[in-house]
Full PDB file with SEQRES, HELIX, SHEET, SSBOND, CRYST1, ORIGX, SCALE, CONECT and MASTER records, all heavy atoms in Angstrom:
SEQRES   1 A   30  ASP SER VAL LYS GLY ARG PHE THR ILE SER ARG ASP ASN          
SEQRES   2 A   30  ALA LYS ASN THR VAL TYR LEU GLN MET ASN SER LEU LYS          
SEQRES   3 A   30  PRO GLU ASP THR                                              
HELIX    1 AA1 PRO A   27  ASP A   29  5                                   3    
SHEET    1 AA1 2 PHE A   7  ASP A  12  0                                        
SHEET    2 AA1 2 THR A  17  MET A  22 -1                                        
CRYST1    1.000    1.000    1.000  90.00  90.00  90.00 P 1           1          
ORIGX1      1.000000  0.000000  0.000000        0.00000                         
ORIGX2      0.000000  1.000000  0.000000        0.00000                         
ORIGX3      0.000000  0.000000  1.000000        0.00000                         
SCALE1      1.000000  0.000000  0.000000        0.00000                         
SCALE2      0.000000  1.000000  0.000000        0.00000                         
SCALE3      0.000000  0.000000  1.000000        0.00000                         
ATOM      1  N   ASP A   1     -33.750 -53.903  21.839  1.00  0.00           N  
ATOM      2  CA  ASP A   1     -32.596 -54.931  21.603  1.00  0.00           C  
ATOM      3  C   ASP A   1     -31.274 -54.324  21.840  1.00  0.00           C  
ATOM      4  O   ASP A   1     -30.421 -54.948  22.447  1.00  0.00           O  
ATOM      5  CB  ASP A   1     -32.794 -55.501  20.197  1.00  0.00           C  
ATOM      6  CG  ASP A   1     -33.891 -56.443  19.927  1.00  0.00           C  
ATOM      7  OD1 ASP A   1     -34.457 -56.921  21.085  1.00  0.00           O  
ATOM      8  OD2 ASP A   1     -34.295 -56.740  18.867  1.00  0.00           O  
ATOM      9  N   SER A   2     -31.122 -53.039  21.460  1.00  0.00           N  
ATOM     10  CA  SER A   2     -29.764 -52.456  21.538  1.00  0.00           C  
ATOM     11  C   SER A   2     -29.284 -52.217  22.990  1.00  0.00           C  
ATOM     12  O   SER A   2     -28.295 -51.865  23.198  1.00  0.00           O  
ATOM     13  CB  SER A   2     -29.762 -51.149  20.797  1.00  0.00           C  
ATOM     14  OG  SER A   2     -30.835 -50.246  21.316  1.00  0.00           O  
ATOM     15  N   VAL A   3     -30.242 -52.267  23.990  1.00  0.00           N  
ATOM     16  CA  VAL A   3     -29.916 -51.970  25.389  1.00  0.00           C  
ATOM     17  C   VAL A   3     -30.135 -53.168  26.293  1.00  0.00           C  
ATOM     18  O   VAL A   3     -29.715 -53.075  27.455  1.00  0.00           O  
ATOM     19  CB  VAL A   3     -30.682 -50.742  25.976  1.00  0.00           C  
ATOM     20  CG1 VAL A   3     -30.386 -49.560  24.992  1.00  0.00           C  
ATOM     21  CG2 VAL A   3     -32.121 -50.996  26.159  1.00  0.00           C  
ATOM     22  N   LYS A   4     -30.612 -54.196  25.690  1.00  0.00           N  
ATOM     23  CA  LYS A   4     -30.952 -55.375  26.591  1.00  0.00           C  
ATOM     24  C   LYS A   4     -29.647 -55.861  27.168  1.00  0.00           C  
ATOM     25  O   LYS A   4     -28.642 -56.007  26.645  1.00  0.00           O  
ATOM     26  CB  LYS A   4     -31.520 -56.659  25.672  1.00  0.00           C  
ATOM     27  CG  LYS A   4     -32.962 -56.394  25.424  1.00  0.00           C  
ATOM     28  CD  LYS A   4     -33.524 -57.474  24.682  1.00  0.00           C  
ATOM     29  CE  LYS A   4     -34.925 -57.364  24.383  1.00  0.00           C  
ATOM     30  NZ  LYS A   4     -35.451 -58.420  23.526  1.00  0.00           N  
ATOM     31  N   GLY A   5     -29.686 -56.195  28.539  1.00  0.00           N  
ATOM     32  CA  GLY A   5     -28.513 -56.663  29.357  1.00  0.00           C  
ATOM     33  C   GLY A   5     -27.555 -55.595  29.838  1.00  0.00           C  
ATOM     34  O   GLY A   5     -26.797 -55.793  30.521  1.00  0.00           O  
ATOM     35  N   ARG A   6     -27.923 -54.381  29.484  1.00  0.00           N  
ATOM     36  CA  ARG A   6     -27.041 -53.179  29.806  1.00  0.00           C  
ATOM     37  C   ARG A   6     -27.851 -52.170  30.584  1.00  0.00           C  
ATOM     38  O   ARG A   6     -27.434 -51.471  31.602  1.00  0.00           O  
ATOM     39  CB  ARG A   6     -26.433 -52.468  28.719  1.00  0.00           C  
ATOM     40  CG  ARG A   6     -25.661 -53.352  27.783  1.00  0.00           C  
ATOM     41  CD  ARG A   6     -24.762 -52.580  26.852  1.00  0.00           C  
ATOM     42  NE  ARG A   6     -25.699 -51.974  25.756  1.00  0.00           N  
ATOM     43  CZ  ARG A   6     -25.729 -50.646  25.572  1.00  0.00           C  
ATOM     44  NH1 ARG A   6     -25.006 -49.765  26.241  1.00  0.00           N  
ATOM     45  NH2 ARG A   6     -26.595 -50.168  24.628  1.00  0.00           N  
ATOM     46  N   PHE A   7     -29.106 -52.044  30.335  1.00  0.00           N  
ATOM     47  CA  PHE A   7     -29.964 -50.920  30.881  1.00  0.00           C  
ATOM     48  C   PHE A   7     -31.082 -51.702  31.757  1.00  0.00           C  
ATOM     49  O   PHE A   7     -31.529 -52.778  31.391  1.00  0.00           O  
ATOM     50  CB  PHE A   7     -30.747 -50.098  29.977  1.00  0.00           C  
ATOM     51  CG  PHE A   7     -29.891 -49.193  29.080  1.00  0.00           C  
ATOM     52  CD1 PHE A   7     -28.483 -49.179  29.191  1.00  0.00           C  
ATOM     53  CD2 PHE A   7     -30.504 -48.244  28.404  1.00  0.00           C  
ATOM     54  CE1 PHE A   7     -27.659 -48.357  28.383  1.00  0.00           C  
ATOM     55  CE2 PHE A   7     -29.633 -47.361  27.676  1.00  0.00           C  
ATOM     56  CZ  PHE A   7     -28.303 -47.445  27.582  1.00  0.00           C  
ATOM     57  N   THR A   8     -31.373 -50.989  32.830  1.00  0.00           N  
ATOM     58  CA  THR A   8     -32.466 -51.508  33.745  1.00  0.00           C  
ATOM     59  C   THR A   8     -33.416 -50.486  34.086  1.00  0.00           C  
ATOM     60  O   THR A   8     -33.027 -49.382  34.639  1.00  0.00           O  
ATOM     61  CB  THR A   8     -31.939 -52.189  34.986  1.00  0.00           C  
ATOM     62  OG1 THR A   8     -30.961 -53.238  34.578  1.00  0.00           O  
ATOM     63  CG2 THR A   8     -33.037 -52.772  35.890  1.00  0.00           C  
ATOM     64  N   ILE A   9     -34.646 -50.696  33.902  1.00  0.00           N  
ATOM     65  CA  ILE A   9     -35.697 -49.619  34.221  1.00  0.00           C  
ATOM     66  C   ILE A   9     -36.418 -50.058  35.555  1.00  0.00           C  
ATOM     67  O   ILE A   9     -36.548 -51.302  35.842  1.00  0.00           O  
ATOM     68  CB  ILE A   9     -36.813 -49.521  33.172  1.00  0.00           C  
ATOM     69  CG1 ILE A   9     -37.781 -48.341  33.507  1.00  0.00           C  
ATOM     70  CG2 ILE A   9     -37.691 -50.804  32.926  1.00  0.00           C  
ATOM     71  CD1 ILE A   9     -38.649 -47.947  32.254  1.00  0.00           C  
ATOM     72  N   SER A  10     -36.710 -49.174  36.410  1.00  0.00           N  
ATOM     73  CA  SER A  10     -37.391 -49.434  37.721  1.00  0.00           C  
ATOM     74  C   SER A  10     -38.287 -48.188  38.022  1.00  0.00           C  
ATOM     75  O   SER A  10     -38.121 -47.117  37.474  1.00  0.00           O  
ATOM     76  CB  SER A  10     -36.430 -49.766  38.751  1.00  0.00           C  
ATOM     77  OG  SER A  10     -35.471 -48.671  38.951  1.00  0.00           O  
ATOM     78  N   ARG A  11     -39.131 -48.336  39.014  1.00  0.00           N  
ATOM     79  CA  ARG A  11     -39.902 -47.352  39.457  1.00  0.00           C  
ATOM     80  C   ARG A  11     -40.052 -47.470  41.026  1.00  0.00           C  
ATOM     81  O   ARG A  11     -40.060 -48.592  41.587  1.00  0.00           O  
ATOM     82  CB  ARG A  11     -41.350 -47.321  38.756  1.00  0.00           C  
ATOM     83  CG  ARG A  11     -42.071 -48.568  39.007  1.00  0.00           C  
ATOM     84  CD  ARG A  11     -43.364 -48.563  38.165  1.00  0.00           C  
ATOM     85  NE  ARG A  11     -44.361 -47.596  38.626  1.00  0.00           N  
ATOM     86  CZ  ARG A  11     -45.459 -47.188  37.835  1.00  0.00           C  
ATOM     87  NH1 ARG A  11     -45.650 -47.691  36.645  1.00  0.00           N  
ATOM     88  NH2 ARG A  11     -46.264 -46.253  38.372  1.00  0.00           N  
ATOM     89  N   ASP A  12     -40.207 -46.325  41.602  1.00  0.00           N  
ATOM     90  CA  ASP A  12     -40.354 -46.191  43.023  1.00  0.00           C  
ATOM     91  C   ASP A  12     -41.536 -45.325  43.261  1.00  0.00           C  
ATOM     92  O   ASP A  12     -41.588 -44.033  43.249  1.00  0.00           O  
ATOM     93  CB  ASP A  12     -39.059 -45.565  43.743  1.00  0.00           C  
ATOM     94  CG  ASP A  12     -39.193 -45.510  45.223  1.00  0.00           C  
ATOM     95  OD1 ASP A  12     -40.320 -45.702  45.813  1.00  0.00           O  
ATOM     96  OD2 ASP A  12     -38.178 -45.559  45.905  1.00  0.00           O  
ATOM     97  N   ASN A  13     -42.757 -45.936  43.421  1.00  0.00           N  
ATOM     98  CA  ASN A  13     -44.026 -45.297  43.553  1.00  0.00           C  
ATOM     99  C   ASN A  13     -44.008 -44.365  44.844  1.00  0.00           C  
ATOM    100  O   ASN A  13     -44.564 -43.285  44.817  1.00  0.00           O  
ATOM    101  CB  ASN A  13     -45.131 -46.203  43.649  1.00  0.00           C  
ATOM    102  CG  ASN A  13     -45.463 -46.959  42.295  1.00  0.00           C  
ATOM    103  OD1 ASN A  13     -45.060 -46.434  41.303  1.00  0.00           O  
ATOM    104  ND2 ASN A  13     -46.321 -47.995  42.364  1.00  0.00           N  
ATOM    105  N   ALA A  14     -43.226 -44.749  45.837  1.00  0.00           N  
ATOM    106  CA  ALA A  14     -43.178 -43.854  47.005  1.00  0.00           C  
ATOM    107  C   ALA A  14     -42.560 -42.511  46.735  1.00  0.00           C  
ATOM    108  O   ALA A  14     -42.831 -41.489  47.456  1.00  0.00           O  
ATOM    109  CB  ALA A  14     -42.417 -44.549  48.212  1.00  0.00           C  
ATOM    110  N   LYS A  15     -41.489 -42.487  45.910  1.00  0.00           N  
ATOM    111  CA  LYS A  15     -40.831 -41.365  45.454  1.00  0.00           C  
ATOM    112  C   LYS A  15     -41.361 -40.713  44.182  1.00  0.00           C  
ATOM    113  O   LYS A  15     -40.768 -39.748  43.602  1.00  0.00           O  
ATOM    114  CB  LYS A  15     -39.426 -41.644  45.389  1.00  0.00           C  
ATOM    115  CG  LYS A  15     -38.695 -42.043  46.707  1.00  0.00           C  
ATOM    116  CD  LYS A  15     -37.199 -42.296  46.466  1.00  0.00           C  
ATOM    117  CE  LYS A  15     -36.636 -42.762  47.887  1.00  0.00           C  
ATOM    118  NZ  LYS A  15     -35.072 -42.884  47.612  1.00  0.00           N  
ATOM    119  N   ASN A  16     -42.312 -41.268  43.553  1.00  0.00           N  
ATOM    120  CA  ASN A  16     -42.954 -40.784  42.322  1.00  0.00           C  
ATOM    121  C   ASN A  16     -41.965 -40.653  41.197  1.00  0.00           C  
ATOM    122  O   ASN A  16     -41.844 -39.696  40.457  1.00  0.00           O  
ATOM    123  CB  ASN A  16     -43.594 -39.404  42.456  1.00  0.00           C  
ATOM    124  CG  ASN A  16     -44.725 -39.419  43.507  1.00  0.00           C  
ATOM    125  OD1 ASN A  16     -45.340 -40.380  43.833  1.00  0.00           O  
ATOM    126  ND2 ASN A  16     -44.841 -38.276  44.149  1.00  0.00           N  
ATOM    127  N   THR A  17     -41.046 -41.681  41.153  1.00  0.00           N  
ATOM    128  CA  THR A  17     -39.822 -41.643  40.332  1.00  0.00           C  
ATOM    129  C   THR A  17     -39.719 -42.857  39.526  1.00  0.00           C  
ATOM    130  O   THR A  17     -39.815 -43.972  40.211  1.00  0.00           O  
ATOM    131  CB  THR A  17     -38.643 -41.282  41.087  1.00  0.00           C  
ATOM    132  OG1 THR A  17     -38.823 -40.038  41.815  1.00  0.00           O  
ATOM    133  CG2 THR A  17     -37.387 -41.155  40.203  1.00  0.00           C  
ATOM    134  N   VAL A  18     -39.311 -42.650  38.227  1.00  0.00           N  
ATOM    135  CA  VAL A  18     -38.885 -43.886  37.499  1.00  0.00           C  
ATOM    136  C   VAL A  18     -37.365 -43.741  37.074  1.00  0.00           C  
ATOM    137  O   VAL A  18     -36.938 -42.543  36.864  1.00  0.00           O  
ATOM    138  CB  VAL A  18     -39.686 -43.958  36.111  1.00  0.00           C  
ATOM    139  CG1 VAL A  18     -39.220 -44.990  35.244  1.00  0.00           C  
ATOM    140  CG2 VAL A  18     -41.139 -44.117  36.447  1.00  0.00           C  
ATOM    141  N   TYR A  19     -36.684 -44.767  37.173  1.00  0.00           N  
ATOM    142  CA  TYR A  19     -35.360 -44.738  36.837  1.00  0.00           C  
ATOM    143  C   TYR A  19     -34.872 -45.591  35.659  1.00  0.00           C  
ATOM    144  O   TYR A  19     -35.531 -46.459  35.237  1.00  0.00           O  
ATOM    145  CB  TYR A  19     -34.542 -45.405  38.066  1.00  0.00           C  
ATOM    146  CG  TYR A  19     -34.741 -44.672  39.439  1.00  0.00           C  
ATOM    147  CD1 TYR A  19     -35.785 -45.101  40.374  1.00  0.00           C  
ATOM    148  CD2 TYR A  19     -34.099 -43.415  39.766  1.00  0.00           C  
ATOM    149  CE1 TYR A  19     -35.991 -44.542  41.525  1.00  0.00           C  
ATOM    150  CE2 TYR A  19     -34.346 -42.875  41.037  1.00  0.00           C  
ATOM    151  CZ  TYR A  19     -35.393 -43.417  41.948  1.00  0.00           C  
ATOM    152  OH  TYR A  19     -35.579 -42.764  43.062  1.00  0.00           O  
ATOM    153  N   LEU A  20     -33.664 -45.180  35.186  1.00  0.00           N  
ATOM    154  CA  LEU A  20     -33.016 -45.941  34.092  1.00  0.00           C  
ATOM    155  C   LEU A  20     -31.625 -46.057  34.385  1.00  0.00           C  
ATOM    156  O   LEU A  20     -30.832 -45.110  34.377  1.00  0.00           O  
ATOM    157  CB  LEU A  20     -33.244 -45.318  32.722  1.00  0.00           C  
ATOM    158  CG  LEU A  20     -32.831 -46.198  31.562  1.00  0.00           C  
ATOM    159  CD1 LEU A  20     -33.630 -47.429  31.390  1.00  0.00           C  
ATOM    160  CD2 LEU A  20     -32.663 -45.345  30.260  1.00  0.00           C  
ATOM    161  N   GLN A  21     -31.329 -47.283  34.811  1.00  0.00           N  
ATOM    162  CA  GLN A  21     -29.780 -47.610  35.096  1.00  0.00           C  
ATOM    163  C   GLN A  21     -29.136 -47.980  33.807  1.00  0.00           C  
ATOM    164  O   GLN A  21     -29.661 -49.006  33.247  1.00  0.00           O  
ATOM    165  CB  GLN A  21     -29.662 -48.647  36.277  1.00  0.00           C  
ATOM    166  CG  GLN A  21     -28.262 -49.104  36.568  1.00  0.00           C  
ATOM    167  CD  GLN A  21     -27.443 -47.972  37.169  1.00  0.00           C  
ATOM    168  OE1 GLN A  21     -27.833 -47.340  38.060  1.00  0.00           O  
ATOM    169  NE2 GLN A  21     -26.151 -47.734  36.761  1.00  0.00           N  
ATOM    170  N   MET A  22     -28.101 -47.281  33.366  1.00  0.00           N  
ATOM    171  CA  MET A  22     -27.414 -47.581  32.204  1.00  0.00           C  
ATOM    172  C   MET A  22     -25.946 -47.939  32.460  1.00  0.00           C  
ATOM    173  O   MET A  22     -25.196 -47.136  32.976  1.00  0.00           O  
ATOM    174  CB  MET A  22     -27.514 -46.321  31.231  1.00  0.00           C  
ATOM    175  CG  MET A  22     -28.983 -45.872  31.094  1.00  0.00           C  
ATOM    176  SD  MET A  22     -28.952 -44.487  29.878  1.00  0.00           S  
ATOM    177  CE  MET A  22     -28.020 -43.194  30.727  1.00  0.00           C  
ATOM    178  N   ASN A  23     -25.673 -49.111  32.170  1.00  0.00           N  
ATOM    179  CA  ASN A  23     -24.291 -49.673  32.285  1.00  0.00           C  
ATOM    180  C   ASN A  23     -23.650 -50.067  30.796  1.00  0.00           C  
ATOM    181  O   ASN A  23     -24.342 -50.120  29.945  1.00  0.00           O  
ATOM    182  CB  ASN A  23     -24.313 -50.890  33.075  1.00  0.00           C  
ATOM    183  CG  ASN A  23     -24.848 -50.743  34.500  1.00  0.00           C  
ATOM    184  OD1 ASN A  23     -24.823 -49.673  35.202  1.00  0.00           O  
ATOM    185  ND2 ASN A  23     -25.587 -51.754  35.050  1.00  0.00           N  
ATOM    186  N   SER A  24     -22.364 -50.169  30.974  1.00  0.00           N  
ATOM    187  CA  SER A  24     -21.629 -50.496  29.739  1.00  0.00           C  
ATOM    188  C   SER A  24     -21.949 -49.553  28.535  1.00  0.00           C  
ATOM    189  O   SER A  24     -22.309 -50.016  27.491  1.00  0.00           O  
ATOM    190  CB  SER A  24     -21.942 -51.986  29.356  1.00  0.00           C  
ATOM    191  OG  SER A  24     -21.595 -52.751  30.490  1.00  0.00           O  
ATOM    192  N   LEU A  25     -22.056 -48.326  28.884  1.00  0.00           N  
ATOM    193  CA  LEU A  25     -22.506 -47.412  27.830  1.00  0.00           C  
ATOM    194  C   LEU A  25     -21.630 -47.433  26.530  1.00  0.00           C  
ATOM    195  O   LEU A  25     -20.225 -47.467  26.740  1.00  0.00           O  
ATOM    196  CB  LEU A  25     -22.576 -46.082  28.391  1.00  0.00           C  
ATOM    197  CG  LEU A  25     -23.870 -45.764  29.305  1.00  0.00           C  
ATOM    198  CD1 LEU A  25     -23.730 -44.628  30.257  1.00  0.00           C  
ATOM    199  CD2 LEU A  25     -25.066 -45.604  28.446  1.00  0.00           C  
ATOM    200  N   LYS A  26     -22.280 -47.170  25.436  1.00  0.00           N  
ATOM    201  CA  LYS A  26     -21.437 -46.999  24.238  1.00  0.00           C  
ATOM    202  C   LYS A  26     -21.616 -45.675  23.631  1.00  0.00           C  
ATOM    203  O   LYS A  26     -22.612 -45.057  23.896  1.00  0.00           O  
ATOM    204  CB  LYS A  26     -22.067 -48.128  23.251  1.00  0.00           C  
ATOM    205  CG  LYS A  26     -22.039 -49.537  23.865  1.00  0.00           C  
ATOM    206  CD  LYS A  26     -22.641 -50.520  22.888  1.00  0.00           C  
ATOM    207  CE  LYS A  26     -22.643 -51.937  23.423  1.00  0.00           C  
ATOM    208  NZ  LYS A  26     -23.248 -52.961  22.535  1.00  0.00           N  
ATOM    209  N   PRO A  27     -20.829 -45.314  22.632  1.00  0.00           N  
ATOM    210  CA  PRO A  27     -20.998 -43.993  21.940  1.00  0.00           C  
ATOM    211  C   PRO A  27     -22.325 -43.929  21.309  1.00  0.00           C  
ATOM    212  O   PRO A  27     -22.972 -42.899  21.218  1.00  0.00           O  
ATOM    213  CB  PRO A  27     -19.794 -44.036  20.941  1.00  0.00           C  
ATOM    214  CG  PRO A  27     -18.749 -44.787  21.602  1.00  0.00           C  
ATOM    215  CD  PRO A  27     -19.362 -45.911  22.345  1.00  0.00           C  
ATOM    216  N   GLU A  28     -22.845 -45.071  20.758  1.00  0.00           N  
ATOM    217  CA  GLU A  28     -24.117 -45.005  20.095  1.00  0.00           C  
ATOM    218  C   GLU A  28     -25.322 -44.842  21.029  1.00  0.00           C  
ATOM    219  O   GLU A  28     -26.345 -44.667  20.505  1.00  0.00           O  
ATOM    220  CB  GLU A  28     -24.282 -46.245  19.256  1.00  0.00           C  
ATOM    221  CG  GLU A  28     -24.057 -47.589  20.061  1.00  0.00           C  
ATOM    222  CD  GLU A  28     -22.633 -48.164  19.728  1.00  0.00           C  
ATOM    223  OE1 GLU A  28     -21.817 -47.355  19.790  1.00  0.00           O  
ATOM    224  OE2 GLU A  28     -22.504 -49.406  19.562  1.00  0.00           O  
ATOM    225  N   ASP A  29     -25.103 -44.834  22.355  1.00  0.00           N  
ATOM    226  CA  ASP A  29     -26.077 -44.510  23.346  1.00  0.00           C  
ATOM    227  C   ASP A  29     -26.264 -42.899  23.529  1.00  0.00           C  
ATOM    228  O   ASP A  29     -27.191 -42.467  24.195  1.00  0.00           O  
ATOM    229  CB  ASP A  29     -25.790 -44.987  24.609  1.00  0.00           C  
ATOM    230  CG  ASP A  29     -25.855 -46.574  24.655  1.00  0.00           C  
ATOM    231  OD1 ASP A  29     -26.761 -47.180  24.001  1.00  0.00           O  
ATOM    232  OD2 ASP A  29     -24.944 -47.160  25.173  1.00  0.00           O  
ATOM    233  N   THR A  30     -25.296 -42.196  22.806  1.00  0.00           N  
ATOM    234  CA  THR A  30     -25.540 -40.706  22.933  1.00  0.00           C  
ATOM    235  C   THR A  30     -26.773 -40.265  22.331  1.00  0.00           C  
ATOM    236  O   THR A  30     -27.062 -40.641  21.206  1.00  0.00           O  
ATOM    237  CB  THR A  30     -24.350 -40.075  22.188  1.00  0.00           C  
ATOM    238  OG1 THR A  30     -23.135 -40.518  22.794  1.00  0.00           O  
ATOM    239  CG2 THR A  30     -24.393 -38.590  22.174  1.00  0.00           C  
TER     240      THR A  30                                                      
MASTER        0    0    0    1    2    0    0    6  239    1    0    3          
END                                                                             
C-alpha cells in the first residue's frame, strides 16, 4: 500500500532482468 501509484515492477525475460521503477520517492522509502 505504501508504494502503490509510485512504484512499478516489470520484467524483461529476454534480458533475464526484473525492474522496479520508483517515482515520487519519500524519505521513508530509504
